[in-house]
C-alpha cells in the first residue's frame, strides 16, 4: 500500500530566510575552525620569580641558521639578539642559544689564566673596576653565568627572558667603559694617543675576543673621546677585551699608560653621552659666566624651586688646553683632567625666563679673561659614581674688567646679564646686584601709585581695557624700567651693532662722588674727602651714562659698551 506524503511548500520569503541562515552558520563554523591552533603542547619553564617576561622563538625549517644570524658591520653568525654600541644600535627580536652553552666557567672574584691568551679578570655586577693598560697590551674581562643570573629569581629583577624551545634563560647585559686618562704627548702638543678598542663576545666558541679572533663571533666597539658602551643579550658568560694599540714613533713620542673604568650591569647603563646640548649661555664677564639648563618639566607651578635638588653638575676646561684631548665624553676623564667643576661655581634652581619653567642655573667662577672654555653639563648617577655627559657648550669671557654678571635680583627678577661695575667699590656680586635693584625699585613707587587710580578690579563695562589687565601693565612697566635703569655691559672693543659707547674725556676720571651703603642708601661723599694729588678740588664730574649713578657711584675705571634698549 503506497502513501503519498505531501511536503510543505515554502513561501519565497521563507526560502530566502532559510538560505541566509544556512550561509551564516557555515561562515561562523569556518571562522572558528580557522582560528583554532593546529596543535597544542606543554613545556616546563624555570621559576624566574615575578616580573619576568617569556621570550618565545619560533624556528622556521626553511631558514638556515646562517640566515637567522644577525649581521653587524660585516660580521655574521654572532649570537646576539640585542646590540647597542657607542655610535650605532641594532636589535633582533628572536634568537637561539648557542649549542652546548656552558652553565658556568668563571668563578666570581677569581683571576684565571687563559691558555694561550690573556688573563681573565672577573667582573662583579654593578661594581666599578679601575685598571691601567700599557700600549700594545690586551686585557680580558668576563661576567660569568652566576653573576649574570644572580638575582634572576628575586622580585623586581628585570631583563630576563626564556627561550621555550631550548629551555634556556637569556638576560640583557649593559657594559659601560670610560678612559680616565692616557699617555701624554711631549711638550704639551695637541697630539692624541690612539683610542682604546673593545671586543665583545657571548659565544662559548670565542672566549678571548680580540683582533685575531674569529670576526663572525665578536663585535668591535671603538672607544670615542674616552667613552664606549655595549648592550647585549646572553645566556652564559660574556667576554669583553680591552685592546691598547702599539704607539709607533710616527704617532708621537707618548709616555705613560692608559687608565680606564669598566662596569657591567643587568639593570641599566652607568655611563652615557648625549649628542645634544642641554646647557645655554646667558652671559659672561672677564672672570665669571652664567649658564642655564633646559626646562625641567617634572615640576608644576606650585613647586618651590628652593626645595628642588639640582639634578646636574658640570665640568669646564679651556678649549685650547690639551689635558682633556680624547676624554671629552668620559665621566672619569673629565673629572680627573678638567680644570673646573662644581666646586668652582654656584648651582641653584630658578624659574627665570620664558614659560616660568623650572631650570638649573650655574654661576661659574674663576675664569680667565678673553679665554674660550668648553662647558659640559653632566648628570651623576643617584647612588654611585659615574654618569652621563652632554655635548659641550663654548663660551668666551670678556677681556675688560668693567662688566660683571648679576642675577637673582629681588625686584628686577628677570635681569640676568653683565652690568657695569667697579671691583674696587663692589667687591662681590650680591652687593653690586643689590645696588642696581635698589635704584630700579625706587623709581617704581610713583608708577605704582598711578596704577592704583586705574579701575582694575571692577565690572567689565568700567574696565580700562578689555584686552589687558592691570597686572599686564605692571609687568610691562617693570620690564621696561629694569631694562633702562640696569644697562647690559659689553667690552669696549666689541663692534656689535646693538651697542652704544659710554666713555669720558681726559680729566674726568676723579673717582666716585656718591657711595652705595650696605643698608641700601646712596649718599654723597663729603667734598673734603675727594681731592686731587695736589690737594685741589676736582672739577665737576660730567655724566656719560644714561643712568647717572653709574658715573657717581660705580665710576668705572675705563670705557665700556652698553646694549641699546
Protein backbone atom coordinates (compact mmCIF):
# COMPACT_ATOMS: atom_id res chain seq x y z
CA UNK A 1 0.00 0.00 0.00
CA UNK A 2 1.52 3.24 -1.04
CA UNK A 3 1.23 6.52 0.77
CA UNK A 4 1.80 9.98 -0.51
CA UNK A 5 3.42 12.45 1.83
CA UNK A 6 2.99 16.00 0.85
CA UNK A 7 6.00 18.26 1.55
CA UNK A 8 5.24 21.70 2.81
CA UNK A 9 5.88 24.42 0.34
CA UNK A 10 7.92 27.40 1.46
CA UNK A 11 6.95 30.83 0.52
CA UNK A 12 9.59 32.92 -1.32
CA UNK A 13 10.30 34.87 1.87
CA UNK A 14 10.81 31.68 3.90
CA UNK A 15 13.17 30.32 1.25
CA UNK A 16 15.40 33.38 1.42
CA UNK A 17 15.49 33.23 5.23
CA UNK A 18 16.49 29.56 5.18
CA UNK A 19 19.31 30.12 2.69
CA UNK A 20 20.63 33.11 4.64
CA UNK A 21 20.58 31.18 7.93
CA UNK A 22 22.48 28.26 6.43
CA UNK A 23 25.12 30.56 4.94
CA UNK A 24 25.55 32.35 8.27
CA UNK A 25 26.06 29.09 10.19
CA UNK A 26 28.57 27.91 7.60
CA UNK A 27 30.63 31.13 7.82
CA UNK A 28 30.71 31.01 11.62
CA UNK A 29 31.88 27.38 11.52
CA UNK A 30 34.68 28.18 9.07
CA UNK A 31 35.78 31.20 11.16
CA UNK A 32 36.01 29.11 14.35
CA UNK A 33 38.00 26.39 12.59
CA UNK A 34 40.35 28.99 11.11
CA UNK A 35 41.26 30.49 14.50
CA UNK A 36 41.93 27.19 16.28
CA UNK A 37 45.68 26.40 16.79
CA UNK A 38 46.97 23.46 14.74
CA UNK A 39 48.34 21.70 17.81
CA UNK A 40 48.93 22.10 21.50
CA UNK A 41 51.98 21.38 23.60
CA UNK A 42 53.26 21.93 27.11
CA UNK A 43 56.75 22.51 28.47
CA UNK A 44 58.07 23.24 31.93
CA UNK A 45 59.59 26.69 32.44
CA UNK A 46 62.03 27.52 35.23
CA UNK A 47 60.62 29.65 38.02
CA UNK A 48 62.06 33.12 37.41
CA UNK A 49 60.11 34.99 40.04
CA UNK A 50 57.72 37.84 39.42
CA UNK A 51 58.10 40.43 36.73
CA UNK A 52 59.85 38.29 34.12
CA UNK A 53 58.78 38.07 30.53
CA UNK A 54 58.79 34.94 28.38
CA UNK A 55 60.73 35.16 25.13
CA UNK A 56 59.46 32.54 22.66
CA UNK A 57 61.38 31.79 19.48
CA UNK A 58 59.52 30.19 16.58
CA UNK A 59 62.04 28.46 14.30
CA UNK A 60 61.49 28.09 10.59
CA UNK A 61 62.58 24.89 8.91
CA UNK A 62 63.04 26.72 5.62
CA UNK A 63 65.53 29.20 7.07
CA UNK A 64 69.09 28.15 7.73
CA UNK A 65 70.98 29.03 10.88
CA UNK A 66 73.21 31.46 8.98
CA UNK A 67 70.15 33.28 7.60
CA UNK A 68 68.80 33.74 11.12
CA UNK A 69 72.06 35.16 12.49
CA UNK A 70 72.33 38.95 12.63
CA UNK A 71 74.93 40.74 10.54
CA UNK A 72 76.63 43.79 12.10
CA UNK A 73 79.30 45.84 10.33
CA UNK A 74 80.20 42.97 8.01
CA UNK A 75 80.14 40.28 10.68
CA UNK A 76 77.74 37.34 10.70
CA UNK A 77 76.71 34.37 12.86
CA UNK A 78 77.15 36.47 16.01
CA UNK A 79 74.79 35.21 18.68
CA UNK A 80 73.33 38.46 19.92
CA UNK A 81 69.68 39.47 19.76
CA UNK A 82 70.37 42.98 21.08
CA UNK A 83 73.45 45.08 20.38
CA UNK A 84 73.85 48.73 21.25
CA UNK A 85 77.33 50.16 20.82
CA UNK A 86 78.81 53.64 21.14
CA UNK A 87 77.69 55.03 17.79
CA UNK A 88 75.11 52.59 16.42
CA UNK A 89 72.37 50.37 17.73
CA UNK A 90 70.66 47.37 16.21
CA UNK A 91 68.24 44.85 17.66
CA UNK A 92 66.82 41.47 16.76
CA UNK A 93 63.58 40.13 18.19
CA UNK A 94 64.43 36.42 18.34
CA UNK A 95 67.49 34.34 18.99
CA UNK A 96 68.65 30.80 19.59
CA UNK A 97 71.00 29.94 22.43
CA UNK A 98 74.34 28.57 21.23
CA UNK A 99 74.63 24.83 21.21
CA UNK A 100 76.34 23.41 24.29
CA UNK A 101 76.36 26.67 26.20
CA UNK A 102 78.25 26.21 29.44
CA UNK A 103 76.40 26.94 32.65
CA UNK A 104 79.43 28.28 34.49
CA UNK A 105 83.05 28.76 33.52
CA UNK A 106 84.24 31.66 35.68
CA UNK A 107 84.23 31.93 39.45
CA UNK A 108 83.45 35.36 40.94
CA UNK A 109 86.46 37.31 42.12
CA UNK A 110 88.97 34.81 40.74
CA UNK A 111 91.69 35.78 38.28
CA UNK A 112 92.14 32.95 35.82
CA UNK A 113 94.90 32.48 33.29
CA UNK A 114 93.74 31.58 29.84
CA UNK A 115 95.72 29.01 27.97
CA UNK A 116 97.39 30.76 25.04
CA UNK A 117 95.71 34.08 25.84
CA UNK A 118 95.49 36.95 28.36
CA UNK A 119 94.40 36.70 31.98
CA UNK A 120 90.67 36.63 32.52
CA UNK A 121 89.55 39.27 35.01
CA UNK A 122 86.18 38.71 36.61
CA UNK A 123 83.50 41.39 36.77
CA UNK A 124 81.01 41.69 39.60
CA UNK A 125 77.69 43.25 38.66
CA UNK A 126 77.24 46.94 39.47
CA UNK A 127 80.81 47.33 40.73
CA UNK A 128 83.36 49.57 39.04
CA UNK A 129 86.78 48.17 38.18
CA UNK A 130 89.68 50.55 37.57
CA UNK A 131 92.75 49.29 35.69
CA UNK A 132 95.87 50.53 33.93
CA UNK A 133 96.79 49.21 30.50
CA UNK A 134 100.01 49.77 28.55
CA UNK A 135 100.18 50.41 24.80
CA UNK A 136 100.23 47.09 22.95
CA UNK A 137 98.51 45.22 25.81
CA UNK A 138 95.24 43.24 25.81
CA UNK A 139 93.14 42.76 28.96
CA UNK A 140 90.25 40.27 29.06
CA UNK A 141 87.15 40.62 31.25
CA UNK A 142 84.27 38.25 31.86
CA UNK A 143 80.85 38.36 33.52
CA UNK A 144 80.07 34.74 34.36
CA UNK A 145 76.76 32.90 34.35
CA UNK A 146 76.45 33.01 38.13
CA UNK A 147 76.77 36.80 38.13
CA UNK A 148 74.54 37.07 35.08
CA UNK A 149 71.57 35.40 36.80
CA UNK A 150 72.47 36.15 40.44
CA UNK A 151 69.16 37.86 41.23
CA UNK A 152 67.01 36.37 38.49
CA UNK A 153 64.60 34.81 40.97
CA UNK A 154 64.12 37.90 43.11
CA UNK A 155 61.08 40.09 42.95
CA UNK A 156 61.72 43.15 40.83
CA UNK A 157 64.61 41.73 38.81
CA UNK A 158 64.43 42.62 35.14
CA UNK A 159 65.63 41.80 31.65
CA UNK A 160 65.21 38.02 31.98
CA UNK A 161 63.74 36.12 29.04
CA UNK A 162 63.15 32.45 28.32
CA UNK A 163 63.71 30.58 25.06
CA UNK A 164 60.93 27.98 25.44
CA UNK A 165 62.25 25.78 22.63
CA UNK A 166 65.65 25.27 24.25
CA UNK A 167 64.59 25.90 27.85
CA UNK A 168 67.36 28.44 28.41
CA UNK A 169 67.38 31.81 30.12
CA UNK A 170 68.59 34.97 28.42
CA UNK A 171 69.42 38.27 30.08
CA UNK A 172 70.39 41.74 28.88
CA UNK A 173 73.82 42.98 29.99
CA UNK A 174 74.96 46.63 29.96
CA UNK A 175 78.71 47.25 29.74
CA UNK A 176 79.97 50.77 30.44
CA UNK A 177 83.50 51.95 29.69
CA UNK A 178 85.39 55.21 30.33
CA UNK A 179 89.00 56.11 29.64
CA UNK A 180 90.19 58.23 32.57
CA UNK A 181 93.50 59.30 31.05
CA UNK A 182 96.05 58.15 28.51
CA UNK A 183 99.70 58.51 27.52
CA UNK A 184 100.86 62.11 27.36
CA UNK A 185 102.45 63.79 24.37
CA UNK A 186 105.79 65.62 24.70
CA UNK A 187 106.00 69.39 25.03
CA UNK A 188 102.25 69.66 25.64
CA UNK A 189 101.45 69.26 21.93
CA UNK A 190 97.92 68.69 20.69
CA UNK A 191 98.66 65.11 19.58
CA UNK A 192 96.20 62.50 20.87
CA UNK A 193 97.22 58.89 21.63
CA UNK A 194 95.36 56.11 19.80
CA UNK A 195 91.93 55.29 21.21
CA UNK A 196 91.33 52.04 23.05
CA UNK A 197 89.16 49.40 21.39
CA UNK A 198 86.70 46.91 22.91
CA UNK A 199 85.87 43.44 21.58
CA UNK A 200 82.76 41.66 22.93
CA UNK A 201 81.60 38.05 22.61
CA UNK A 202 78.80 35.99 24.15
CA UNK A 203 79.62 32.82 22.20
CA UNK A 204 81.34 29.97 24.05
CA UNK A 205 83.35 29.32 20.89
CA UNK A 206 85.09 32.69 21.39
CA UNK A 207 86.23 33.17 24.97
CA UNK A 208 89.08 35.53 24.03
CA UNK A 209 87.67 38.17 21.69
CA UNK A 210 90.24 40.43 20.09
CA UNK A 211 91.94 41.48 16.86
CA UNK A 212 92.92 37.88 15.97
CA UNK A 213 89.70 36.10 16.96
CA UNK A 214 87.00 34.97 14.56
CA UNK A 215 85.23 38.18 13.47
CA UNK A 216 81.99 36.22 12.98
CA UNK A 217 81.87 35.54 16.73
CA UNK A 218 82.52 39.01 18.15
CA UNK A 219 81.74 42.67 17.77
CA UNK A 220 84.17 45.61 17.76
CA UNK A 221 83.31 48.73 19.78
CA UNK A 222 85.56 51.79 19.29
CA UNK A 223 86.22 54.00 22.31
CA UNK A 224 85.48 57.54 21.13
CA UNK A 225 86.68 60.51 23.21
CA UNK A 226 87.03 58.17 26.19
CA UNK A 227 83.52 56.66 26.09
CA UNK A 228 82.03 53.39 24.87
CA UNK A 229 79.19 51.13 25.85
CA UNK A 230 77.68 47.91 24.56
CA UNK A 231 74.37 46.26 25.42
CA UNK A 232 73.82 42.61 24.54
CA UNK A 233 71.80 39.53 25.46
CA UNK A 234 73.49 36.43 26.87
CA UNK A 235 72.64 33.04 28.34
CA UNK A 236 76.12 32.28 29.72
CA UNK A 237 79.44 34.01 30.37
CA UNK A 238 80.04 37.22 28.43
CA UNK A 239 83.58 38.19 27.41
CA UNK A 240 84.99 41.64 26.72
CA UNK A 241 88.58 42.55 25.77
CA UNK A 242 90.23 45.95 26.16
CA UNK A 243 92.90 46.46 23.49
CA UNK A 244 95.53 49.21 23.53
CA UNK A 245 97.27 49.66 20.19
CA UNK A 246 101.02 49.94 19.91
CA UNK A 247 102.25 53.52 19.66
CA UNK A 248 104.82 53.96 16.93
CA UNK A 249 107.34 56.76 16.53
CA UNK A 250 105.28 58.20 13.68
CA UNK A 251 102.33 58.66 16.05
CA UNK A 252 104.42 60.64 18.53
CA UNK A 253 106.68 60.15 21.50
CA UNK A 254 103.95 59.42 24.02
CA UNK A 255 104.87 58.38 27.54
CA UNK A 256 102.82 56.65 30.22
CA UNK A 257 99.82 54.35 30.10
CA UNK A 258 96.02 54.34 29.87
CA UNK A 259 93.73 54.25 32.88
CA UNK A 260 90.12 53.16 32.48
CA UNK A 261 86.97 52.18 34.36
CA UNK A 262 84.66 49.33 33.38
CA UNK A 263 81.36 48.18 34.84
CA UNK A 264 78.73 45.59 33.95
CA UNK A 265 75.09 45.59 34.99
CA UNK A 266 71.85 43.79 34.24
CA UNK A 267 69.80 46.79 35.40
CA UNK A 268 70.91 49.88 33.48
CA UNK A 269 73.78 51.75 31.86
CA UNK A 270 76.16 53.57 34.21
CA UNK A 271 77.86 55.75 31.60
CA UNK A 272 76.37 57.71 28.73
CA UNK A 273 76.95 60.55 26.29
CA UNK A 274 74.33 62.75 24.64
CA UNK A 275 74.91 64.29 21.22
CA UNK A 276 72.78 67.32 22.06
CA UNK A 277 73.39 70.25 24.40
CA UNK A 278 71.16 70.90 27.38
CA UNK A 279 73.01 73.98 28.61
CA UNK A 280 72.75 77.59 27.39
CA UNK A 281 74.98 80.60 27.98
CA UNK A 282 73.21 83.62 29.47
CA UNK A 283 76.19 85.99 29.72
CA UNK A 284 79.77 86.22 30.93
CA UNK A 285 82.25 88.77 32.21
CA UNK A 286 86.03 88.61 32.46
CA UNK A 287 86.07 86.00 35.25
CA UNK A 288 82.52 84.59 35.60
CA UNK A 289 79.76 83.13 33.45
CA UNK A 290 76.06 82.39 33.96
CA UNK A 291 74.55 79.36 32.23
CA UNK A 292 71.13 77.73 32.43
CA UNK A 293 69.81 74.26 31.65
CA UNK A 294 66.78 73.26 29.64
CA UNK A 295 63.35 73.16 31.25
CA UNK A 296 62.70 70.54 33.92
CA UNK A 297 59.11 69.61 33.07
CA UNK A 298 58.50 67.27 36.01
CA UNK A 299 57.51 70.16 38.30
CA UNK A 300 54.28 72.15 38.36
CA UNK A 301 53.78 75.84 39.11
CA UNK A 302 53.20 75.20 42.81
CA UNK A 303 56.65 73.65 43.32
CA UNK A 304 59.07 75.72 45.38
CA UNK A 305 62.34 75.82 43.44
CA UNK A 306 64.39 76.24 46.62
CA UNK A 307 63.27 72.77 47.71
CA UNK A 308 64.44 71.09 44.49
CA UNK A 309 67.78 69.34 44.49
CA UNK A 310 69.77 70.44 41.40
CA UNK A 311 69.91 67.43 39.05
CA UNK A 312 73.07 68.41 37.15
CA UNK A 313 76.72 69.13 37.73
CA UNK A 314 79.30 70.42 35.25
CA UNK A 315 82.90 70.30 34.05
CA UNK A 316 84.79 73.17 32.39
CA UNK A 317 88.18 73.46 30.70
CA UNK A 318 89.99 75.94 28.43
CA UNK A 319 89.34 74.99 24.81
CA UNK A 320 92.99 75.34 23.75
CA UNK A 321 94.35 73.13 26.56
CA UNK A 322 95.26 69.55 25.63
CA UNK A 323 94.64 67.93 29.02
CA UNK A 324 91.17 66.66 28.03
CA UNK A 325 92.01 65.65 24.47
CA UNK A 326 90.50 62.23 23.81
CA UNK A 327 88.42 62.40 27.02
CA UNK A 328 85.60 64.79 26.11
CA UNK A 329 82.86 62.15 26.51
CA UNK A 330 84.30 60.41 29.57
CA UNK A 331 82.91 60.99 33.06
CA UNK A 332 86.05 59.87 34.88
CA UNK A 333 88.25 61.58 32.26
CA UNK A 334 86.65 65.00 32.73
CA UNK A 335 86.55 64.50 36.48
CA UNK A 336 90.29 63.77 36.53
CA UNK A 337 91.53 66.30 33.95
CA UNK A 338 89.04 69.20 33.66
CA UNK A 339 90.34 72.29 35.44
CA UNK A 340 86.92 73.41 36.75
CA UNK A 341 83.98 71.51 38.20
CA UNK A 342 81.01 72.01 40.54
CA UNK A 343 83.28 73.22 43.34
CA UNK A 344 84.20 76.19 41.11
CA UNK A 345 80.68 77.56 40.86
CA UNK A 346 77.30 78.12 42.45
CA UNK A 347 74.46 75.82 41.36
CA UNK A 348 70.81 76.63 42.08
CA UNK A 349 67.31 76.34 40.61
CA UNK A 350 65.25 79.13 39.06
CA UNK A 351 62.06 79.88 37.12
CA UNK A 352 63.53 82.89 35.31
CA UNK A 353 62.92 83.06 31.58
CA UNK A 354 60.12 82.24 29.16
CA UNK A 355 57.39 79.94 30.36
CA UNK A 356 58.21 80.26 34.06
CA UNK A 357 59.56 76.68 33.93
CA UNK A 358 61.97 75.17 36.43
CA UNK A 359 65.61 75.26 35.29
CA UNK A 360 69.04 74.77 36.81
CA UNK A 361 71.42 77.72 36.70
CA UNK A 362 75.20 77.57 37.03
CA UNK A 363 77.27 80.58 38.07
CA UNK A 364 80.79 79.61 37.04
CA UNK A 365 83.64 81.44 38.79
CA UNK A 366 87.41 81.57 38.48
CA UNK A 367 87.64 82.02 34.69
CA UNK A 368 90.44 83.84 32.87
CA UNK A 369 89.83 87.00 30.77
CA UNK A 370 89.49 86.68 26.99
CA UNK A 371 89.61 82.87 27.12
CA UNK A 372 87.39 80.32 25.38
CA UNK A 373 86.08 77.47 27.54
CA UNK A 374 84.27 74.20 26.91
CA UNK A 375 81.47 73.59 29.44
CA UNK A 376 79.98 70.10 29.81
CA UNK A 377 76.68 69.62 31.58
CA UNK A 378 76.67 66.27 33.39
CA UNK A 379 74.14 64.20 35.29
CA UNK A 380 75.57 61.98 38.00
CA UNK A 381 74.07 58.64 38.95
CA UNK A 382 71.92 58.86 42.06
CA UNK A 383 73.73 56.41 44.32
CA UNK A 384 77.02 55.57 42.62
CA UNK A 385 79.89 57.22 40.80
CA UNK A 386 79.66 57.82 37.06
CA UNK A 387 77.00 59.47 34.98
CA UNK A 388 76.02 60.95 31.64
CA UNK A 389 77.77 63.72 29.72
CA UNK A 390 76.12 66.23 27.36
CA UNK A 391 77.86 67.82 24.38
CA UNK A 392 79.96 70.82 25.33
CA UNK A 393 78.91 74.46 25.21
CA UNK A 394 81.55 77.03 24.21
CA UNK A 395 81.90 80.48 25.76
CA UNK A 396 84.48 83.24 25.61
CA UNK A 397 84.99 85.54 28.58
CA UNK A 398 85.20 89.32 28.23
CA UNK A 399 88.61 90.94 28.06
CA UNK A 400 87.91 94.10 30.10
CA UNK A 401 87.18 94.19 33.80
CA UNK A 402 84.39 96.79 33.64
CA UNK A 403 81.49 94.30 33.45
CA UNK A 404 80.15 91.75 35.91
CA UNK A 405 77.29 89.25 35.69
CA UNK A 406 74.45 89.69 38.20
CA UNK A 407 71.36 87.53 38.71
CA UNK A 408 68.64 86.62 41.24
CA UNK A 409 67.61 90.23 41.90
CA UNK A 410 64.64 90.66 44.21
CA UNK A 411 62.79 93.39 42.29
CA UNK A 412 64.17 93.02 38.75
CA UNK A 413 63.88 89.25 38.92
CA UNK A 414 64.25 88.77 35.14
CA UNK A 415 67.59 90.58 34.99
CA UNK A 416 70.49 88.17 34.48
CA UNK A 417 73.42 89.58 32.50
CA UNK A 418 76.66 91.56 32.81
CA UNK A 419 76.36 95.16 34.06
CA UNK A 420 78.90 98.00 34.52
CA UNK A 421 80.92 97.56 37.69
CA UNK A 422 83.97 98.66 39.62
CA UNK A 423 85.59 95.81 41.53
CA UNK A 424 87.27 98.23 43.91
CA UNK A 425 83.89 99.53 45.12
CA UNK A 426 81.73 96.43 44.62
CA UNK A 427 83.89 93.53 45.72
CA UNK A 428 81.19 90.87 45.43
CA UNK A 429 78.31 90.17 43.08
CA UNK A 430 75.41 90.33 45.62
CA UNK A 431 76.46 93.85 46.65
CA UNK A 432 76.50 95.01 43.03
CA UNK A 433 73.15 93.35 42.29
CA UNK A 434 71.54 95.00 45.31
CA UNK A 435 72.79 98.43 44.18
CA UNK A 436 71.10 98.20 40.78
CA UNK A 437 67.98 96.53 42.16
CA UNK A 438 67.51 99.21 44.82
CA UNK A 439 67.86 102.00 42.29
CA UNK A 440 65.32 100.45 39.89
CA UNK A 441 62.76 99.78 42.61
CA UNK A 442 62.98 103.39 43.83
CA UNK A 443 61.54 104.56 40.50
CA UNK A 444 58.68 102.10 40.65
CA UNK A 445 56.82 103.65 43.60
CA UNK A 446 55.30 106.59 41.68
CA UNK A 447 54.07 104.30 38.89
CA UNK A 448 52.51 102.01 41.46
CA UNK A 449 50.57 104.94 42.93
CA UNK A 450 49.34 105.94 39.47
CA UNK A 451 48.26 102.42 38.64
CA UNK A 452 46.13 102.32 41.76
CA UNK A 453 44.00 105.10 40.27
CA UNK A 454 43.00 102.90 37.33
CA UNK A 455 39.87 100.79 37.62
CA UNK A 456 41.30 97.29 37.51
CA UNK A 457 39.17 95.03 39.68
CA UNK A 458 35.78 96.21 38.53
CA UNK A 459 32.93 95.25 36.22
CA UNK A 460 33.62 94.72 32.54
CA UNK A 461 31.79 97.91 31.48
CA UNK A 462 34.07 100.02 33.71
CA UNK A 463 37.42 98.36 32.97
CA UNK A 464 40.16 100.49 31.46
CA UNK A 465 40.85 97.78 28.87
CA UNK A 466 39.19 94.52 27.88
CA UNK A 467 42.41 93.20 26.32
CA UNK A 468 44.96 93.76 29.07
CA UNK A 469 44.71 93.76 32.85
CA UNK A 470 46.50 95.93 35.34
CA UNK A 471 48.82 93.01 36.07
CA UNK A 472 49.89 93.03 32.43
CA UNK A 473 50.54 96.75 32.62
CA UNK A 474 52.50 96.39 35.84
CA UNK A 475 54.66 93.61 34.40
CA UNK A 476 55.37 95.53 31.18
CA UNK A 477 56.39 98.68 33.04
CA UNK A 478 58.60 96.71 35.40
CA UNK A 479 60.35 95.03 32.47
CA UNK A 480 60.96 98.39 30.77
CA UNK A 481 62.12 100.05 33.98
CA UNK A 482 64.66 97.34 34.79
CA UNK A 483 65.99 97.30 31.22
CA UNK A 484 66.56 101.06 31.13
CA UNK A 485 67.99 101.53 34.63
CA UNK A 486 70.21 98.42 34.55
CA UNK A 487 72.20 98.58 31.28
CA UNK A 488 73.76 95.46 29.83
CA UNK A 489 77.54 95.77 29.63
CA UNK A 490 79.96 94.59 26.94
CA UNK A 491 83.64 95.01 26.14
CA UNK A 492 84.53 98.40 24.70
CA UNK A 493 86.37 96.61 21.91
CA UNK A 494 83.18 94.88 20.76
CA UNK A 495 81.87 96.15 17.41
CA UNK A 496 78.35 94.72 17.78
CA UNK A 497 75.77 96.96 16.12
CA UNK A 498 73.38 96.91 19.08
CA UNK A 499 75.94 98.50 21.46
CA UNK A 500 76.37 102.18 22.36
CA UNK A 501 79.66 103.69 23.52
CA UNK A 502 79.93 105.04 27.04
CA UNK A 503 83.19 106.87 27.74
CA UNK A 504 84.63 110.00 29.37
CA UNK A 505 87.14 112.55 28.27
CA UNK A 506 90.51 113.22 29.81
CA UNK A 507 90.50 114.78 33.24
CA UNK A 508 87.14 113.32 34.22
CA UNK A 509 88.37 110.17 35.96
CA UNK A 510 88.41 111.51 39.50
CA UNK A 511 86.64 108.81 41.45
CA UNK A 512 83.04 108.42 42.59
CA UNK A 513 81.03 111.28 44.05
CA UNK A 514 78.45 109.04 45.78
CA UNK A 515 78.60 105.73 47.61
CA UNK A 516 76.14 102.85 47.94
CA UNK A 517 75.86 101.73 51.56
CA UNK A 518 75.10 98.21 52.75
CA UNK A 519 71.70 99.36 54.08
CA UNK A 520 70.67 100.39 50.56
CA UNK A 521 71.17 104.16 50.91
CA UNK A 522 73.07 106.21 48.32
CA UNK A 523 74.80 109.20 49.93
CA UNK A 524 77.16 111.95 48.75
CA UNK A 525 80.84 111.64 49.51
CA UNK A 526 81.99 114.65 51.51
CA UNK A 527 83.74 117.10 49.25
CA UNK A 528 86.69 117.33 51.61
CA UNK A 529 87.38 113.64 51.14
CA UNK A 530 87.61 113.94 47.34
CA UNK A 531 90.76 115.82 46.34
CA UNK A 532 93.45 115.67 43.70
CA UNK A 533 97.02 114.69 44.47
CA UNK A 534 97.98 118.36 44.84
CA UNK A 535 95.14 118.96 47.31
CA UNK A 536 92.95 120.88 44.90
CA UNK A 537 89.23 120.20 44.45
CA UNK A 538 88.50 118.13 41.32
CA UNK A 539 86.35 119.63 38.54
CA UNK A 540 82.66 118.87 38.30
CA UNK A 541 82.04 115.32 37.05
CA UNK A 542 80.24 115.07 33.70
CA UNK A 543 78.00 112.05 33.41
CA UNK A 544 78.35 109.96 30.28
CA UNK A 545 75.89 107.20 31.20
CA UNK A 546 72.11 107.29 30.91
CA UNK A 547 71.97 106.03 34.49
CA UNK A 548 73.76 108.84 36.30
CA UNK A 549 74.54 106.64 39.31
CA UNK A 550 76.90 104.60 37.15
CA UNK A 551 79.09 107.71 36.94
CA UNK A 552 78.50 108.87 40.50
CA UNK A 553 78.74 105.54 42.35
CA UNK A 554 80.17 102.82 40.12
CA UNK A 555 82.66 105.19 38.45
CA UNK A 556 84.24 102.72 36.05
CA UNK A 557 87.98 102.80 35.58
CA UNK A 558 87.68 102.75 31.78
CA UNK A 559 85.35 102.65 28.82
CA UNK A 560 82.62 100.12 28.11
CA UNK A 561 79.70 99.46 25.80
CA UNK A 562 76.05 99.08 26.74
CA UNK A 563 73.20 97.42 24.90
CA UNK A 564 70.66 99.81 23.42
CA UNK A 565 67.15 99.45 24.88
